């Protein structure tokens, strides 16, 4: 999900009423104090609304309410830290995110009505300035988190190769077959044939007589991609294919052309060009994906550690 849409999703819940289950005692006016900054019950309600976009009728039990308050505290700590380090909201991005937020709300919940949007804000004792404040806080905190993540260095080639060796079974590939085909359908039926079955059998016989496969594919195949490549389909593992095809071609030797095989797409004449035994994907083939995986994991670990440090040094007093 992109940065802008992430902000939109987090803010959508502001438009939805809070429903709290199991609430038998009157909540305090101040639900928590973080570094001498009070978090009011009304602020907590607004934050709860941000979690309700997927299901406006959802109710929260006591454990969920505590978890959401804890998340709110973390978000506020990140915002305070970002401000202390000199990060400021990007006004252009804030405006873009808010406009996207307004449009999503109006399009999906309020029948694209600006009037209903404004009335809905009023009914919830909200206004556009309050919503913009949440967008600005989110934008500012995100700048801090991106800065933390950007300090992570990409993994070295040695680290990628070490991961590959430790997890080599993840890169195991089954037996593969290099295939080419001629696909016969009603659309490709030649004028000289009565039906696709007759056409497929005739081409099969001609292939058996040594006729050029690529030439016949170019002339008769309904597969618009492979016919321009001599019918070449590339390499396949068993599970990559339609079961009807796999059951036949994975019993064939190289150099053999199958009898016509019927699938929902038509009749297939398939030749096995080559066979490769089960093996492992070479590290060069998966190097980039491993590198990206390691890099993202390190970024997540670094940002989690950063958040934990901020929370440990904070003075947090939860009163509800």
Protein backbone atom coordinates (compact mmCIF):
# COMPACT_ATOMS: atom_id res chain seq x y z
CA UNK A 1 0.00 0.00 0.00
CA UNK A 2 1.37 3.43 -0.89
CA UNK A 3 2.19 6.12 1.65
CA UNK A 4 -0.76 8.30 0.71
CA UNK A 5 -3.33 5.51 0.77
CA UNK A 6 -1.98 4.22 4.09
CA UNK A 7 -2.78 7.59 5.58
CA UNK A 8 -6.23 7.55 4.02
CA UNK A 9 -7.03 4.12 5.45
CA UNK A 10 -5.86 5.06 8.94
CA UNK A 11 -8.05 8.14 8.89
CA UNK A 12 -11.23 6.66 7.41
CA UNK A 13 -12.50 5.51 10.78
CA UNK A 14 -12.85 9.08 12.00
CA UNK A 15 -16.19 9.22 10.27
CA UNK A 16 -17.70 6.25 12.07
CA UNK A 17 -19.47 6.10 15.46
CA UNK A 18 -17.77 4.24 18.29
CA UNK A 19 -19.50 1.24 19.81
CA UNK A 20 -17.95 -0.08 23.01
CA UNK A 21 -19.00 -3.40 24.51
CA UNK A 22 -18.87 -4.49 28.08
CA UNK A 23 -18.46 -0.98 29.43
CA UNK A 24 -20.03 -1.08 32.91
CA UNK A 25 -18.11 1.76 34.55
CA UNK A 26 -17.90 5.39 33.61
CA UNK A 27 -14.55 5.99 31.88
CA UNK A 28 -12.34 8.72 33.31
CA UNK A 29 -12.03 12.03 31.53
CA UNK A 30 -8.30 11.33 31.16
CA UNK A 31 -7.51 7.76 30.12
CA UNK A 32 -3.72 8.08 30.15
CA UNK A 33 -0.88 10.50 30.76
CA UNK A 34 2.23 10.29 28.58
CA UNK A 35 5.22 12.43 29.56
CA UNK A 36 2.87 14.86 31.35
CA UNK A 37 0.61 15.04 28.26
CA UNK A 38 -2.97 13.99 29.03
CA UNK A 39 -4.91 11.74 26.64
CA UNK A 40 -8.60 12.43 27.09
CA UNK A 41 -11.40 9.96 26.66
CA UNK A 42 -12.68 12.04 23.71
CA UNK A 43 -9.29 11.75 21.97
CA UNK A 44 -9.32 8.02 22.56
CA UNK A 45 -12.79 7.82 20.97
CA UNK A 46 -11.51 9.51 17.83
CA UNK A 47 -8.57 7.12 17.67
CA UNK A 48 -10.95 4.17 18.12
CA UNK A 49 -12.92 5.38 15.12
CA UNK A 50 -9.85 5.03 12.92
CA UNK A 51 -9.96 1.28 13.54
CA UNK A 52 -13.55 0.90 12.44
CA UNK A 53 -13.49 1.54 8.70
CA UNK A 54 -13.71 -2.14 7.75
CA UNK A 55 -16.72 -2.82 9.99
CA UNK A 56 -18.72 0.12 11.31
CA UNK A 57 -20.88 -2.18 13.44
CA UNK A 58 -17.99 -3.76 15.26
CA UNK A 59 -17.84 -3.66 19.05
CA UNK A 60 -14.64 -3.87 21.07
CA UNK A 61 -14.07 -6.02 24.14
CA UNK A 62 -11.93 -4.90 27.08
CA UNK A 63 -8.71 -6.45 25.76
CA UNK A 64 -9.16 -4.77 22.37
CA UNK A 65 -9.82 -1.40 23.98
CA UNK A 66 -6.62 -1.68 26.01
CA UNK A 67 -4.64 -2.70 22.94
CA UNK A 68 -5.96 0.26 20.93
CA UNK A 69 -5.12 2.67 23.74
CA UNK A 70 -1.62 1.20 23.80
CA UNK A 71 -1.31 1.75 20.03
CA UNK A 72 -2.47 5.33 20.46
CA UNK A 73 0.21 5.94 23.06
CA UNK A 74 2.87 4.56 20.72
CA UNK A 75 1.67 6.74 17.85
CA UNK A 76 1.73 9.84 20.00
CA UNK A 77 5.23 9.05 21.27
CA UNK A 78 6.44 8.71 17.68
CA UNK A 79 4.86 12.05 16.82
CA UNK A 80 6.50 13.76 19.82
CA UNK A 81 9.85 12.23 18.92
CA UNK A 82 9.51 13.35 15.31
CA UNK A 83 8.76 16.93 16.37
CA UNK A 84 11.67 16.92 18.82
CA UNK A 85 14.00 15.84 16.01
CA UNK A 86 12.82 18.64 13.79
CA UNK A 87 10.51 16.80 11.42
CA UNK A 88 7.59 18.83 10.12
CA UNK A 89 4.52 17.80 8.14
CA UNK A 90 4.80 18.09 4.38
CA UNK A 91 1.91 20.43 3.57
CA UNK A 92 1.58 19.17 -0.01
CA UNK A 93 1.37 15.52 1.08
CA UNK A 94 -0.96 16.37 3.96
CA UNK A 95 -3.33 18.14 1.58
CA UNK A 96 -3.15 15.26 -0.91
CA UNK A 97 -3.82 12.64 1.77
CA UNK A 98 -6.72 14.59 3.20
CA UNK A 99 -8.32 15.16 -0.21
CA UNK A 100 -8.04 11.43 -0.95
CA UNK A 101 -9.57 10.71 2.44
CA UNK A 102 -12.50 13.06 1.77
CA UNK A 103 -13.11 11.53 -1.65
CA UNK A 104 -13.08 7.95 -0.36
CA UNK A 105 -15.49 8.84 2.44
CA UNK A 106 -17.87 10.67 0.11
CA UNK A 107 -17.70 8.09 -2.67
CA UNK A 108 -18.19 4.98 -0.53
CA UNK A 109 -20.21 6.14 2.47
CA UNK A 110 -21.97 9.38 1.60
CA UNK A 111 -23.03 9.00 -2.03
CA UNK A 112 -20.42 11.55 -3.17
CA UNK A 113 -22.21 14.32 -1.32
CA UNK A 114 -20.14 17.20 0.05
CA UNK A 115 -23.14 18.40 2.06
CA UNK A 116 -23.57 15.02 3.71
CA UNK A 117 -19.85 14.93 4.44
CA UNK A 118 -19.97 18.26 6.27
CA UNK A 119 -23.16 17.31 8.14
CA UNK A 120 -21.61 14.02 9.17
CA UNK A 121 -18.63 15.83 10.65
CA UNK A 122 -20.95 18.06 12.61
CA UNK A 123 -22.99 15.13 13.90
CA UNK A 124 -19.80 13.60 15.28
CA UNK A 125 -18.68 16.93 16.80
CA UNK A 126 -15.79 16.97 14.34
CA UNK A 127 -14.52 19.50 11.85
CA UNK A 128 -12.01 19.53 9.03
CA UNK A 129 -9.32 21.11 11.21
CA UNK A 130 -9.49 18.16 13.62
CA UNK A 131 -9.17 15.65 10.79
CA UNK A 132 -6.28 17.58 9.26
CA UNK A 133 -4.49 17.46 12.59
CA UNK A 134 -4.55 13.66 12.50
CA UNK A 135 -3.25 13.68 8.92
CA UNK A 136 -0.42 16.02 9.91
CA UNK A 137 0.55 13.88 12.89
CA UNK A 138 0.59 10.76 10.78
CA UNK A 139 2.68 12.45 8.10
CA UNK A 140 5.19 13.76 10.64
CA UNK A 141 5.58 10.40 12.41
CA UNK A 142 5.97 8.61 9.08
CA UNK A 143 8.88 10.87 8.17
CA UNK A 144 10.64 9.80 11.36
CA UNK A 145 10.01 6.10 10.70
CA UNK A 146 11.25 6.38 7.12
CA UNK A 147 14.40 8.05 8.44
CA UNK A 148 14.97 5.18 10.86
CA UNK A 149 14.43 2.61 8.10
CA UNK A 150 16.70 4.45 5.69
CA UNK A 151 19.63 3.96 8.05
CA UNK A 152 19.57 0.22 7.40
CA UNK A 153 22.24 -0.94 4.96
CA UNK A 154 21.43 -3.47 2.23
CA UNK A 155 22.69 -7.00 2.97
CA UNK A 156 26.08 -7.99 1.61
CA UNK A 157 26.51 -10.71 -1.00
CA UNK A 158 27.96 -12.95 1.73
CA UNK A 159 24.83 -12.47 3.87
CA UNK A 160 22.55 -13.29 0.94
CA UNK A 161 24.52 -16.43 0.08
CA UNK A 162 24.56 -17.53 3.73
CA UNK A 163 20.77 -17.18 3.90
CA UNK A 164 20.46 -19.19 0.68
CA UNK A 165 22.52 -22.05 2.13
CA UNK A 166 20.60 -22.07 5.42
CA UNK A 167 17.22 -22.12 3.66
CA UNK A 168 18.13 -24.02 0.53
CA UNK A 169 15.11 -26.32 0.71
CA UNK A 170 12.89 -23.28 0.15
CA UNK A 171 14.44 -22.95 -3.30
CA UNK A 172 14.01 -26.56 -4.36
CA UNK A 173 12.28 -27.07 -7.71
CA UNK A 174 10.71 -30.22 -9.03
CA UNK A 175 11.24 -31.96 -12.33
CA UNK A 176 10.77 -29.53 -15.23
CA UNK A 177 9.88 -30.04 -18.83
CA UNK A 178 10.53 -27.76 -21.78
CA UNK A 179 7.42 -27.82 -23.95
CA UNK A 180 5.99 -26.53 -27.17
CA UNK A 181 2.44 -26.90 -28.40
CA UNK A 182 -0.03 -26.45 -31.20
CA UNK A 183 -3.43 -25.45 -29.83
CA UNK A 184 -6.45 -26.28 -31.96
CA UNK A 185 -9.76 -24.49 -31.35
CA UNK A 186 -12.91 -23.67 -33.30
CA UNK A 187 -11.43 -20.24 -34.03
CA UNK A 188 -8.35 -21.78 -35.63
CA UNK A 189 -10.23 -24.46 -37.58
CA UNK A 190 -8.93 -24.60 -41.13
CA UNK A 191 -11.27 -24.60 -44.10
CA UNK A 192 -10.06 -28.05 -45.13
CA UNK A 193 -11.26 -29.67 -41.87
CA UNK A 194 -14.75 -30.60 -40.69
CA UNK A 195 -14.05 -30.22 -36.96
CA UNK A 196 -11.25 -29.62 -34.46
CA UNK A 197 -10.83 -33.33 -33.76
CA UNK A 198 -10.17 -34.08 -37.42
CA UNK A 199 -7.80 -31.13 -37.67
CA UNK A 200 -5.86 -32.16 -34.55
CA UNK A 201 -5.52 -35.77 -35.73
CA UNK A 202 -4.32 -34.68 -39.17
CA UNK A 203 -1.67 -32.38 -37.72
CA UNK A 204 -0.60 -35.14 -35.33
CA UNK A 205 -0.13 -37.50 -38.27
CA UNK A 206 1.84 -34.88 -40.20
CA UNK A 207 4.13 -34.35 -37.22
CA UNK A 208 4.66 -38.09 -37.07
CA UNK A 209 5.74 -37.96 -40.69
CA UNK A 210 8.46 -35.46 -39.81
CA UNK A 211 6.74 -32.21 -40.74
CA UNK A 212 8.19 -29.10 -39.12
CA UNK A 213 6.53 -28.43 -35.76
CA UNK A 214 7.32 -24.71 -35.74
CA UNK A 215 5.87 -24.20 -39.19
CA UNK A 216 2.67 -26.04 -38.31
CA UNK A 217 2.38 -24.07 -35.06
CA UNK A 218 2.77 -20.79 -36.92
CA UNK A 219 0.06 -21.78 -39.39
CA UNK A 220 -2.51 -23.56 -37.25
CA UNK A 221 -2.04 -22.86 -33.53
CA UNK A 222 -4.64 -20.73 -31.74
CA UNK A 223 -2.08 -19.74 -29.09
CA UNK A 224 -1.27 -16.23 -30.29
CA UNK A 225 1.85 -15.95 -28.14
CA UNK A 226 3.60 -19.27 -28.64
CA UNK A 227 2.78 -19.65 -32.36
CA UNK A 228 5.18 -16.81 -33.08
CA UNK A 229 7.91 -18.69 -31.26
CA UNK A 230 7.50 -22.04 -32.96
CA UNK A 231 4.97 -23.09 -30.34
CA UNK A 232 7.57 -22.79 -27.54
CA UNK A 233 5.98 -22.56 -24.09
CA UNK A 234 9.13 -22.61 -21.95
CA UNK A 235 9.80 -24.69 -18.84
CA UNK A 236 7.09 -26.08 -16.57
CA UNK A 237 6.83 -27.97 -13.32
CA UNK A 238 3.96 -30.40 -12.88
CA UNK A 239 1.84 -28.03 -10.78
CA UNK A 240 2.29 -25.19 -13.27
CA UNK A 241 0.13 -26.93 -15.85
CA UNK A 242 -3.47 -27.93 -16.34
CA UNK A 243 -3.85 -31.38 -14.73
CA UNK A 244 -5.04 -32.90 -18.00
CA UNK A 245 -1.80 -31.81 -19.68
CA UNK A 246 0.54 -32.54 -16.78
CA UNK A 247 -0.71 -36.11 -16.40
CA UNK A 248 0.27 -36.83 -20.00
CA UNK A 249 3.42 -34.81 -20.67
CA UNK A 250 5.14 -35.79 -17.40
CA UNK A 251 4.94 -39.41 -18.52
CA UNK A 252 6.49 -38.67 -21.92
CA UNK A 253 10.13 -38.84 -22.97
CA UNK A 254 11.94 -35.96 -24.65
CA UNK A 255 11.31 -35.74 -28.38
CA UNK A 256 7.81 -37.21 -28.17
CA UNK A 257 4.66 -35.44 -29.39
CA UNK A 258 1.43 -36.22 -27.54
CA UNK A 259 -1.84 -37.30 -29.03
CA UNK A 260 -4.35 -34.40 -28.89
CA UNK A 261 -5.09 -33.57 -25.25
CA UNK A 262 -8.40 -31.85 -24.50
CA UNK A 263 -8.71 -29.01 -21.97
CA UNK A 264 -11.22 -26.20 -21.59
CA UNK A 265 -9.08 -24.18 -24.01
CA UNK A 266 -9.13 -26.66 -26.87
CA UNK A 267 -7.03 -29.57 -28.17
CA UNK A 268 -3.30 -29.47 -27.44
CA UNK A 269 -0.55 -31.21 -29.36
CA UNK A 270 2.41 -31.01 -27.00
CA UNK A 271 6.04 -31.94 -27.59
CA UNK A 272 8.55 -32.45 -24.78
CA UNK A 273 11.75 -30.78 -25.93
CA UNK A 274 13.89 -31.40 -22.85
CA UNK A 275 13.70 -32.67 -19.26
CA UNK A 276 15.47 -31.39 -16.14
CA UNK A 277 15.67 -33.44 -12.97
CA UNK A 278 14.66 -31.94 -9.59
CA UNK A 279 17.19 -29.37 -8.45
CA UNK A 280 17.63 -26.10 -6.56
CA UNK A 281 17.19 -22.68 -8.07
CA UNK A 282 20.67 -21.17 -8.43
CA UNK A 283 21.51 -18.43 -5.95
CA UNK A 284 21.93 -15.98 -8.84
CA UNK A 285 18.28 -16.49 -9.79
CA UNK A 286 16.94 -15.72 -6.31
CA UNK A 287 19.62 -13.27 -5.17
CA UNK A 288 17.49 -10.12 -5.56
CA UNK A 289 14.45 -11.58 -3.80
CA UNK A 290 16.57 -12.80 -0.87
CA UNK A 291 18.31 -9.43 -0.65
CA UNK A 292 14.98 -7.59 -0.56
CA UNK A 293 13.63 -10.01 2.07
CA UNK A 294 16.65 -9.51 4.33
CA UNK A 295 16.58 -5.74 3.86
CA UNK A 296 12.90 -5.42 4.75
CA UNK A 297 13.27 -7.72 7.75
CA UNK A 298 16.17 -5.64 9.03
CA UNK A 299 14.16 -2.44 8.56
CA UNK A 300 11.22 -3.92 10.49
CA UNK A 301 13.50 -5.10 13.29
CA UNK A 302 15.24 -1.73 13.46
CA UNK A 303 11.97 0.22 13.63
CA UNK A 304 10.54 -2.17 16.25
CA UNK A 305 13.64 -1.72 18.40
CA UNK A 306 13.38 2.04 17.95
CA UNK A 307 9.75 2.07 19.09
CA UNK A 308 10.57 -0.11 22.10
CA UNK A 309 13.37 2.28 23.15
CA UNK A 310 11.03 5.26 22.96
CA UNK A 311 8.42 3.50 25.06
CA UNK A 312 10.94 2.35 27.67
CA UNK A 313 12.18 5.86 28.33
CA UNK A 314 8.69 7.40 28.36
CA UNK A 315 6.66 8.11 31.51
CA UNK A 316 3.38 6.32 30.77
CA UNK A 317 0.46 6.34 33.25
CA UNK A 318 -2.60 4.41 32.03
CA UNK A 319 -5.66 5.29 34.12
CA UNK A 320 -8.32 3.12 32.47
